Amino acid sequence: MLTSTSFDAAASASEAVAFVHTSAPVAVQPARAPMPAAFRPSRNDEALADVLRHPGIWRRGTKPASTSTAQSTGFAALDALLPGGGWPRGALSEILIGEDGLGECSLVLPALAALTQARRRVALIGPPYVPYAPAMVEAGIDLSQLVHIDAGATDTHWTAEQCLRAGCCGAVLNWLPRADYQQLRRLQLAAETGAAIGFVFRPLSAASQASPAALRLSISASSDGPRIDILKCRGRLGDTSTAIRLRA
């Protein structure tokens, strides 16, 4: 049996409990007003198209757009296989050779002649043999635009990187018997910065190693003469393994 006193006590206790439960702040999520149309982010298709047109971007399943960021190799058969029709500018091209004298110099001479005739400087960094000037002149190279830097084995990579990055060279040729991925990556980035053609000559045994180069070619001996294989070609659709013949 409840008396008025007990009822009042029960009521007071109930109010106290209610007070305890309601005294804590309650987070109420305000209704979010719709964003005015003027402040809504809009898709800029034109800006996106500009980004996708950048030569450094390639979308799988699309045909690479023809650009002027390539230098003709001077060999029609090879140009036809390379995006842009030649050596990629602002990128690294690796030439892997089975042995010296297979035509690796003949492969780059036409491009070097075109660059020097256009008053673009070409740097040779640490070549294994002394360049033969009469043969270069006969190939059309302007010797006044040719720089031969006899860097030591420990300095050749650093020297080539500085020449590529400087932006004053059309092409930089570098011989690296031993190089790791990080060194090649630095050369690739330097070529991009200086918009130069970076040529790196390495042994054929390096073909199995990973490389950041945009283009990798190998030159090996065969019964029909030197054979060029395209091992890697950025921006080329389908199978990249294609062989052509080179006259040494």
C-alpha atoms as a PDB file:
ATOM      1  CA  MET A   1       0.000   0.000   0.000  1.00  0.00           C
ATOM      2  CA  LEU A   2       1.451   3.318  -1.072  1.00  0.00           C
ATOM      3  CA  THR A   3       1.028   6.351   1.057  1.00  0.00           C
ATOM      4  CA  SER A   4       1.279   9.902  -0.134  1.00  0.00           C
ATOM      5  CA  THR A   5       4.742  10.086   1.352  1.00  0.00           C
ATOM      6  CA  SER A   6       5.952   7.014  -0.475  1.00  0.00           C
ATOM      7  CA  PHE A   7       4.271   8.262  -3.645  1.00  0.00           C
ATOM      8  CA  ASP A   8       6.078  11.581  -3.364  1.00  0.00           C
ATOM      9  CA  ALA A   9       9.355   9.771  -2.769  1.00  0.00           C
ATOM     10  CA  ALA A  10       8.774   7.550  -5.798  1.00  0.00           C
ATOM     11  CA  ALA A  11       7.905  10.576  -7.887  1.00  0.00           C
ATOM     12  CA  SER A  12      11.036  12.374  -6.736  1.00  0.00           C
ATOM     13  CA  ALA A  13      13.166   9.344  -7.593  1.00  0.00           C
ATOM     14  CA  SER A  14      11.542   9.145 -11.012  1.00  0.00           C
ATOM     15  CA  GLU A  15      12.239  12.803 -11.646  1.00  0.00           C
ATOM     16  CA  ALA A  16      15.834  12.320 -10.514  1.00  0.00           C
ATOM     17  CA  VAL A  17      16.293   9.407 -12.928  1.00  0.00           C
ATOM     18  CA  ALA A  18      14.698  11.420 -15.684  1.00  0.00           C
ATOM     19  CA  PHE A  19      17.010  14.308 -14.874  1.00  0.00           C
ATOM     20  CA  VAL A  20      20.055  12.072 -15.001  1.00  0.00           C
ATOM     21  CA  HIS A  21      19.083  10.690 -18.397  1.00  0.00           C
ATOM     22  CA  THR A  22      18.184  14.004 -19.914  1.00  0.00           C
ATOM     23  CA  SER A  23      20.975  16.081 -18.424  1.00  0.00           C
ATOM     24  CA  ALA A  24      23.586  14.577 -20.798  1.00  0.00           C
ATOM     25  CA  PRO A  25      23.980  16.523 -24.071  1.00  0.00           C
ATOM     26  CA  VAL A  26      22.334  14.848 -26.997  1.00  0.00           C
ATOM     27  CA  ALA A  27      23.963  15.292 -30.395  1.00  0.00           C
ATOM     28  CA  VAL A  28      21.409  16.134 -32.966  1.00  0.00           C
ATOM     29  CA  GLN A  29      22.479  15.938 -36.598  1.00  0.00           C
ATOM     30  CA  PRO A  30      21.148  19.020 -38.311  1.00  0.00           C
ATOM     31  CA  ALA A  31      19.473  18.537 -41.610  1.00  0.00           C
ATOM     32  CA  ARG A  32      21.953  19.258 -44.399  1.00  0.00           C
ATOM     33  CA  ALA A  33      20.728  21.826 -46.817  1.00  0.00           C
ATOM     34  CA  PRO A  34      21.290  21.044 -50.459  1.00  0.00           C
ATOM     35  CA  MET A  35      24.435  22.646 -51.891  1.00  0.00           C
ATOM     36  CA  PRO A  36      23.662  25.564 -54.192  1.00  0.00           C
ATOM     37  CA  ALA A  37      24.260  24.720 -57.820  1.00  0.00           C
ATOM     38  CA  ALA A  38      26.840  27.494 -58.089  1.00  0.00           C
ATOM     39  CA  PHE A  39      29.084  25.721 -55.556  1.00  0.00           C
ATOM     40  CA  ARG A  40      28.729  22.173 -56.813  1.00  0.00           C
ATOM     41  CA  PRO A  41      31.930  20.725 -58.337  1.00  0.00           C
ATOM     42  CA  SER A  42      31.491  20.273 -62.045  1.00  0.00           C
ATOM     43  CA  ARG A  43      33.350  17.909 -64.345  1.00  0.00           C
ATOM     44  CA  ASN A  44      35.650  19.787 -66.660  1.00  0.00           C
ATOM     45  CA  ASP A  45      35.805  17.528 -69.694  1.00  0.00           C
ATOM     46  CA  GLU A  46      38.142  19.841 -71.565  1.00  0.00           C
ATOM     47  CA  ALA A  47      40.692  19.875 -68.722  1.00  0.00           C
ATOM     48  CA  LEU A  48      40.456  16.091 -68.434  1.00  0.00           C
ATOM     49  CA  ALA A  49      41.048  15.727 -72.153  1.00  0.00           C
ATOM     50  CA  ASP A  50      44.150  17.922 -71.885  1.00  0.00           C
ATOM     51  CA  VAL A  51      45.532  15.676 -69.165  1.00  0.00           C
ATOM     52  CA  LEU A  52      44.852  12.513 -71.153  1.00  0.00           C
ATOM     53  CA  ARG A  53      46.564  14.010 -74.198  1.00  0.00           C
ATOM     54  CA  HIS A  54      49.829  14.287 -72.269  1.00  0.00           C
ATOM     55  CA  PRO A  55      52.486  12.094 -73.994  1.00  0.00           C
ATOM     56  CA  GLY A  56      53.400  10.515 -70.681  1.00  0.00           C
ATOM     57  CA  ILE A  57      49.894   9.077 -70.203  1.00  0.00           C
ATOM     58  CA  TRP A  58      48.744   6.006 -72.059  1.00  0.00           C
ATOM     59  CA  ARG A  59      45.407   4.245 -71.659  1.00  0.00           C
ATOM     60  CA  ARG A  60      45.365   0.557 -72.411  1.00  0.00           C
ATOM     61  CA  GLY A  61      43.162  -0.311 -75.361  1.00  0.00           C
ATOM     62  CA  THR A  62      43.632   3.032 -77.087  1.00  0.00           C
ATOM     63  CA  LYS A  63      45.884   3.762 -80.016  1.00  0.00           C
ATOM     64  CA  PRO A  64      48.718   6.100 -79.038  1.00  0.00           C
ATOM     65  CA  ALA A  65      48.268   9.517 -80.555  1.00  0.00           C
ATOM     66  CA  SER A  66      50.932  10.604 -82.983  1.00  0.00           C
ATOM     67  CA  THR A  67      53.019  13.309 -81.386  1.00  0.00           C
ATOM     68  CA  SER A  68      56.091  15.334 -82.281  1.00  0.00           C
ATOM     69  CA  THR A  69      57.945  14.104 -79.189  1.00  0.00           C
ATOM     70  CA  ALA A  70      60.050  11.618 -81.116  1.00  0.00           C
ATOM     71  CA  GLN A  71      63.224  11.852 -83.173  1.00  0.00           C
ATOM     72  CA  SER A  72      63.406   9.693 -86.273  1.00  0.00           C
ATOM     73  CA  THR A  73      65.912   6.864 -85.976  1.00  0.00           C
ATOM     74  CA  GLY A  74      66.783   7.191 -89.649  1.00  0.00           C
ATOM     75  CA  PHE A  75      65.607   3.624 -90.275  1.00  0.00           C
ATOM     76  CA  ALA A  76      62.136   3.482 -91.804  1.00  0.00           C
ATOM     77  CA  ALA A  77      61.493  -0.095 -90.649  1.00  0.00           C
ATOM     78  CA  LEU A  78      62.278   0.806 -87.037  1.00  0.00           C
ATOM     79  CA  ASP A  79      60.395   4.125 -87.101  1.00  0.00           C
ATOM     80  CA  ALA A  80      57.284   2.288 -88.262  1.00  0.00           C
ATOM     81  CA  LEU A  81      57.361   0.153 -85.112  1.00  0.00           C
ATOM     82  CA  LEU A  82      57.850   2.968 -82.608  1.00  0.00           C
ATOM     83  CA  PRO A  83      55.047   5.262 -81.325  1.00  0.00           C
ATOM     84  CA  GLY A  84      55.640   8.738 -82.724  1.00  0.00           C
ATOM     85  CA  GLY A  85      57.996   7.337 -85.351  1.00  0.00           C
ATOM     86  CA  GLY A  86      61.341   7.375 -83.605  1.00  0.00           C
ATOM     87  CA  TRP A  87      63.390   7.693 -80.437  1.00  0.00           C
ATOM     88  CA  PRO A  88      61.223   9.110 -77.633  1.00  0.00           C
ATOM     89  CA  ARG A  89      62.251  12.560 -76.457  1.00  0.00           C
ATOM     90  CA  GLY A  90      62.219  13.233 -72.750  1.00  0.00           C
ATOM     91  CA  ALA A  91      62.762   9.544 -72.063  1.00  0.00           C
ATOM     92  CA  LEU A  92      65.389   6.873 -71.659  1.00  0.00           C
ATOM     93  CA  SER A  93      66.163   4.368 -74.417  1.00  0.00           C
ATOM     94  CA  GLU A  94      68.230   1.323 -73.508  1.00  0.00           C
ATOM     95  CA  ILE A  95      70.313  -0.449 -76.128  1.00  0.00           C
ATOM     96  CA  LEU A  96      71.457  -3.859 -74.917  1.00  0.00           C
ATOM     97  CA  ILE A  97      74.302  -5.376 -76.914  1.00  0.00           C
ATOM     98  CA  GLY A  98      75.611  -8.930 -76.968  1.00  0.00           C
ATOM     99  CA  GLU A  99      79.105  -7.743 -77.914  1.00  0.00           C
ATOM    100  CA  ASP A 100      80.815  -4.609 -79.156  1.00  0.00           C
ATOM    101  CA  GLY A 101      80.738  -3.768 -82.851  1.00  0.00           C
ATOM    102  CA  LEU A 102      77.295  -5.097 -83.749  1.00  0.00           C
ATOM    103  CA  GLY A 103      76.164  -1.770 -85.149  1.00  0.00           C
ATOM    104  CA  GLU A 104      75.068  -0.061 -81.952  1.00  0.00           C
ATOM    105  CA  CYS A 105      76.759   3.172 -83.060  1.00  0.00           C
ATOM    106  CA  SER A 106      75.290   2.955 -86.556  1.00  0.00           C
ATOM    107  CA  LEU A 107      71.869   2.654 -84.958  1.00  0.00           C
ATOM    108  CA  VAL A 108      72.039   6.096 -83.317  1.00  0.00           C
ATOM    109  CA  LEU A 109      74.180   8.027 -85.814  1.00  0.00           C
ATOM    110  CA  PRO A 110      71.312   9.259 -88.054  1.00  0.00           C
ATOM    111  CA  ALA A 111      69.460  10.736 -85.070  1.00  0.00           C
ATOM    112  CA  LEU A 112      72.629  12.343 -83.729  1.00  0.00           C
ATOM    113  CA  ALA A 113      73.354  13.859 -87.144  1.00  0.00           C
ATOM    114  CA  ALA A 114      69.861  15.363 -87.332  1.00  0.00           C
ATOM    115  CA  LEU A 115      70.141  16.800 -83.828  1.00  0.00           C
ATOM    116  CA  THR A 116      73.562  18.401 -84.321  1.00  0.00           C
ATOM    117  CA  GLN A 117      72.531  19.841 -87.677  1.00  0.00           C
ATOM    118  CA  ALA A 118      69.610  21.455 -85.850  1.00  0.00           C
ATOM    119  CA  ARG A 119      72.163  23.020 -83.439  1.00  0.00           C
ATOM    120  CA  ARG A 120      71.261  20.645 -80.611  1.00  0.00           C
ATOM    121  CA  ARG A 121      74.147  19.519 -78.454  1.00  0.00           C
ATOM    122  CA  VAL A 122      74.993  15.829 -78.089  1.00  0.00           C
ATOM    123  CA  ALA A 123      77.034  14.551 -75.138  1.00  0.00           C
ATOM    124  CA  LEU A 124      79.003  11.301 -75.082  1.00  0.00           C
ATOM    125  CA  ILE A 125      79.619  10.224 -71.488  1.00  0.00           C
ATOM    126  CA  GLY A 126      82.411   7.720 -70.911  1.00  0.00           C
ATOM    127  CA  PRO A 127      82.393   5.816 -74.232  1.00  0.00           C
ATOM    128  CA  PRO A 128      84.478   2.620 -74.116  1.00  0.00           C
ATOM    129  CA  TYR A 129      86.420   3.664 -77.230  1.00  0.00           C
ATOM    130  CA  VAL A 130      87.672   6.987 -78.532  1.00  0.00           C
ATOM    131  CA  PRO A 131      85.074   8.370 -80.986  1.00  0.00           C
ATOM    132  CA  TYR A 132      86.339   8.340 -84.577  1.00  0.00           C
ATOM    133  CA  ALA A 133      85.740  11.859 -85.813  1.00  0.00           C
ATOM    134  CA  PRO A 134      86.038  11.213 -89.596  1.00  0.00           C
ATOM    135  CA  ALA A 135      83.302   8.559 -89.448  1.00  0.00           C
ATOM    136  CA  MET A 136      81.047  10.948 -87.523  1.00  0.00           C
ATOM    137  CA  VAL A 137      81.565  13.709 -90.052  1.00  0.00           C
ATOM    138  CA  GLU A 138      80.798  11.277 -92.872  1.00  0.00           C
ATOM    139  CA  ALA A 139      77.558  10.377 -91.061  1.00  0.00           C
ATOM    140  CA  GLY A 140      76.579  14.057 -91.072  1.00  0.00           C
ATOM    141  CA  ILE A 141      77.364  14.934 -87.457  1.00  0.00           C
ATOM    142  CA  ASP A 142      78.361  18.527 -86.747  1.00  0.00           C
ATOM    143  CA  LEU A 143      81.370  18.092 -84.475  1.00  0.00           C
ATOM    144  CA  SER A 144      80.980  21.602 -83.077  1.00  0.00           C
ATOM    145  CA  GLN A 145      77.819  20.355 -81.315  1.00  0.00           C
ATOM    146  CA  LEU A 146      79.447  17.180 -79.993  1.00  0.00           C
ATOM    147  CA  VAL A 147      80.808  16.977 -76.446  1.00  0.00           C
ATOM    148  CA  HIS A 148      82.990  14.078 -75.295  1.00  0.00           C
ATOM    149  CA  ILE A 149      83.216  13.746 -71.502  1.00  0.00           C
ATOM    150  CA  ASP A 150      85.728  11.159 -70.326  1.00  0.00           C
ATOM    151  CA  ALA A 151      84.104  10.464 -66.962  1.00  0.00           C
ATOM    152  CA  GLY A 152      85.390   7.770 -64.645  1.00  0.00           C
ATOM    153  CA  ALA A 153      83.437   4.621 -63.878  1.00  0.00           C
ATOM    154  CA  THR A 154      82.156   6.100 -60.613  1.00  0.00           C
ATOM    155  CA  ASP A 155      81.158   9.437 -62.164  1.00  0.00           C
ATOM    156  CA  THR A 156      79.615   8.486 -65.488  1.00  0.00           C
ATOM    157  CA  HIS A 157      76.100   8.013 -64.112  1.00  0.00           C
ATOM    158  CA  TRP A 158      76.118  11.318 -62.201  1.00  0.00           C
ATOM    159  CA  THR A 159      77.565  13.185 -65.200  1.00  0.00           C
ATOM    160  CA  ALA A 160      74.954  11.787 -67.559  1.00  0.00           C
ATOM    161  CA  GLU A 161      72.189  12.710 -65.130  1.00  0.00           C
ATOM    162  CA  GLN A 162      73.353  16.329 -64.950  1.00  0.00           C
ATOM    163  CA  CYS A 163      73.616  16.619 -68.742  1.00  0.00           C
ATOM    164  CA  LEU A 164      70.125  15.177 -69.226  1.00  0.00           C
ATOM    165  CA  ARG A 165      68.595  17.414 -66.589  1.00  0.00           C
ATOM    166  CA  ALA A 166      70.272  20.622 -67.778  1.00  0.00           C
ATOM    167  CA  GLY A 167      68.000  21.012 -70.802  1.00  0.00           C
ATOM    168  CA  CYS A 168      70.842  22.091 -73.103  1.00  0.00           C
ATOM    169  CA  CYS A 169      71.384  18.709 -74.774  1.00  0.00           C
ATOM    170  CA  GLY A 170      69.354  17.104 -77.507  1.00  0.00           C
ATOM    171  CA  ALA A 171      70.757  13.697 -76.639  1.00  0.00           C
ATOM    172  CA  VAL A 172      73.047  12.164 -74.037  1.00  0.00           C
ATOM    173  CA  LEU A 173      74.796   8.837 -74.627  1.00  0.00           C
ATOM    174  CA  ASN A 174      75.944   6.862 -71.613  1.00  0.00           C
ATOM    175  CA  TRP A 175      77.679   3.494 -71.278  1.00  0.00           C
ATOM    176  CA  LEU A 176      76.797   1.636 -68.094  1.00  0.00           C
ATOM    177  CA  PRO A 177      78.212  -1.894 -67.785  1.00  0.00           C
ATOM    178  CA  ARG A 178      76.564  -2.096 -64.359  1.00  0.00           C
ATOM    179  CA  ALA A 179      73.508  -0.138 -63.236  1.00  0.00           C
ATOM    180  CA  ASP A 180      70.667  -0.727 -60.829  1.00  0.00           C
ATOM    181  CA  TYR A 181      67.020   0.230 -61.161  1.00  0.00           C
ATOM    182  CA  GLN A 182      67.393   3.330 -58.988  1.00  0.00           C
ATOM    183  CA  GLN A 183      70.194   4.718 -61.156  1.00  0.00           C
ATOM    184  CA  LEU A 184      68.208   4.130 -64.325  1.00  0.00           C
ATOM    185  CA  ARG A 185      65.156   5.724 -62.730  1.00  0.00           C
ATOM    186  CA  ARG A 186      67.156   8.872 -61.973  1.00  0.00           C
ATOM    187  CA  LEU A 187      68.302   9.007 -65.589  1.00  0.00           C
ATOM    188  CA  GLN A 188      64.717   8.570 -66.804  1.00  0.00           C
ATOM    189  CA  LEU A 189      63.510  11.431 -64.591  1.00  0.00           C
ATOM    190  CA  ALA A 190      66.434  13.617 -65.677  1.00  0.00           C
ATOM    191  CA  ALA A 191      65.587  12.997 -69.346  1.00  0.00           C
ATOM    192  CA  GLU A 192      61.973  13.994 -68.668  1.00  0.00           C
ATOM    193  CA  THR A 193      63.102  17.185 -66.928  1.00  0.00           C
ATOM    194  CA  GLY A 194      65.507  18.211 -69.701  1.00  0.00           C
ATOM    195  CA  ALA A 195      63.312  16.951 -72.586  1.00  0.00           C
ATOM    196  CA  ALA A 196      66.354  15.115 -73.943  1.00  0.00           C
ATOM    197  CA  ILE A 197      66.877  11.730 -75.546  1.00  0.00           C
ATOM    198  CA  GLY A 198      68.774   9.504 -73.144  1.00  0.00           C
ATOM    199  CA  PHE A 199      70.683   6.589 -74.676  1.00  0.00           C
ATOM    200  CA  VAL A 200      72.088   3.969 -72.312  1.00  0.00           C
ATOM    201  CA  PHE A 201      74.244   1.149 -73.628  1.00  0.00           C
ATOM    202  CA  ARG A 202      74.265  -1.951 -71.434  1.00  0.00           C
ATOM    203  CA  PRO A 203      75.209  -5.632 -71.795  1.00  0.00           C
ATOM    204  CA  LEU A 204      72.624  -7.996 -73.221  1.00  0.00           C
ATOM    205  CA  SER A 205      72.721  -9.911 -69.926  1.00  0.00           C
ATOM    206  CA  ALA A 206      70.734  -7.017 -68.378  1.00  0.00           C
ATOM    207  CA  ALA A 207      67.680  -7.872 -70.512  1.00  0.00           C
ATOM    208  CA  SER A 208      66.165  -9.931 -67.698  1.00  0.00           C
ATOM    209  CA  GLN A 209      66.399  -7.046 -65.237  1.00  0.00           C
ATOM    210  CA  ALA A 210      63.583  -4.570 -64.623  1.00  0.00           C
ATOM    211  CA  SER A 211      64.048  -1.147 -66.176  1.00  0.00           C
ATOM    212  CA  PRO A 212      62.127   2.159 -66.134  1.00  0.00           C
ATOM    213  CA  ALA A 213      63.279   2.992 -69.679  1.00  0.00           C
ATOM    214  CA  ALA A 214      60.551   3.889 -72.154  1.00  0.00           C
ATOM    215  CA  LEU A 215      62.245   1.854 -74.875  1.00  0.00           C
ATOM    216  CA  ARG A 216      64.487  -1.203 -74.690  1.00  0.00           C
ATOM    217  CA  LEU A 217      66.192  -2.672 -77.728  1.00  0.00           C
ATOM    218  CA  SER A 218      68.630  -5.543 -77.941  1.00  0.00           C
ATOM    219  CA  ILE A 219      71.229  -6.102 -80.645  1.00  0.00           C
ATOM    220  CA  SER A 220      72.526  -9.607 -81.113  1.00  0.00           C
ATOM    221  CA  ALA A 221      74.512 -11.462 -83.772  1.00  0.00           C
ATOM    222  CA  SER A 222      72.765 -13.778 -86.218  1.00  0.00           C
ATOM    223  CA  SER A 223      73.584 -15.567 -89.463  1.00  0.00           C
ATOM    224  CA  ASP A 224      71.868 -12.771 -91.425  1.00  0.00           C
ATOM    225  CA  GLY A 225      73.667  -9.966 -89.638  1.00  0.00           C
ATOM    226  CA  PRO A 226      72.904  -7.966 -86.501  1.00  0.00           C
ATOM    227  CA  ARG A 227      69.361  -8.475 -85.249  1.00  0.00           C
ATOM    228  CA  ILE A 228      67.365  -5.846 -83.342  1.00  0.00           C
ATOM    229  CA  ASP A 229      64.650  -6.991 -80.957  1.00  0.00           C
ATOM    230  CA  ILE A 230      62.187  -4.600 -79.321  1.00  0.00           C
ATOM    231  CA  LEU A 231      62.010  -5.801 -75.729  1.00  0.00           C
ATOM    232  CA  LYS A 232      59.911  -2.974 -74.323  1.00  0.00           C
ATOM    233  CA  CYS A 233      58.151  -0.045 -75.914  1.00  0.00           C
ATOM    234  CA  ARG A 234      55.967   2.302 -73.915  1.00  0.00           C
ATOM    235  CA  GLY A 235      52.766   3.221 -75.722  1.00  0.00           C
ATOM    236  CA  ARG A 236      52.862   0.407 -78.230  1.00  0.00           C
ATOM    237  CA  LEU A 237      49.828  -1.874 -78.352  1.00  0.00           C
ATOM    238  CA  GLY A 238      50.034  -5.612 -78.748  1.00  0.00           C
ATOM    239  CA  ASP A 239      53.144  -7.756 -78.697  1.00  0.00           C
ATOM    240  CA  THR A 240      56.328  -5.710 -78.431  1.00  0.00           C
ATOM    241  CA  SER A 241      58.664  -8.551 -79.408  1.00  0.00           C
ATOM    242  CA  THR A 242      59.579  -7.658 -82.997  1.00  0.00           C
ATOM    243  CA  ALA A 243      62.864  -8.302 -84.757  1.00  0.00           C
ATOM    244  CA  ILE A 244      64.418  -6.349 -87.624  1.00  0.00           C
ATOM    245  CA  ARG A 245      67.803  -6.488 -89.322  1.00  0.00           C
ATOM    246  CA  LEU A 246      70.469  -3.853 -89.027  1.00  0.00           C
ATOM    247  CA  ARG A 247      73.362  -3.227 -91.347  1.00  0.00           C
ATOM    248  CA  ALA A 248      76.424  -2.818 -89.110  1.00  0.00           C
END
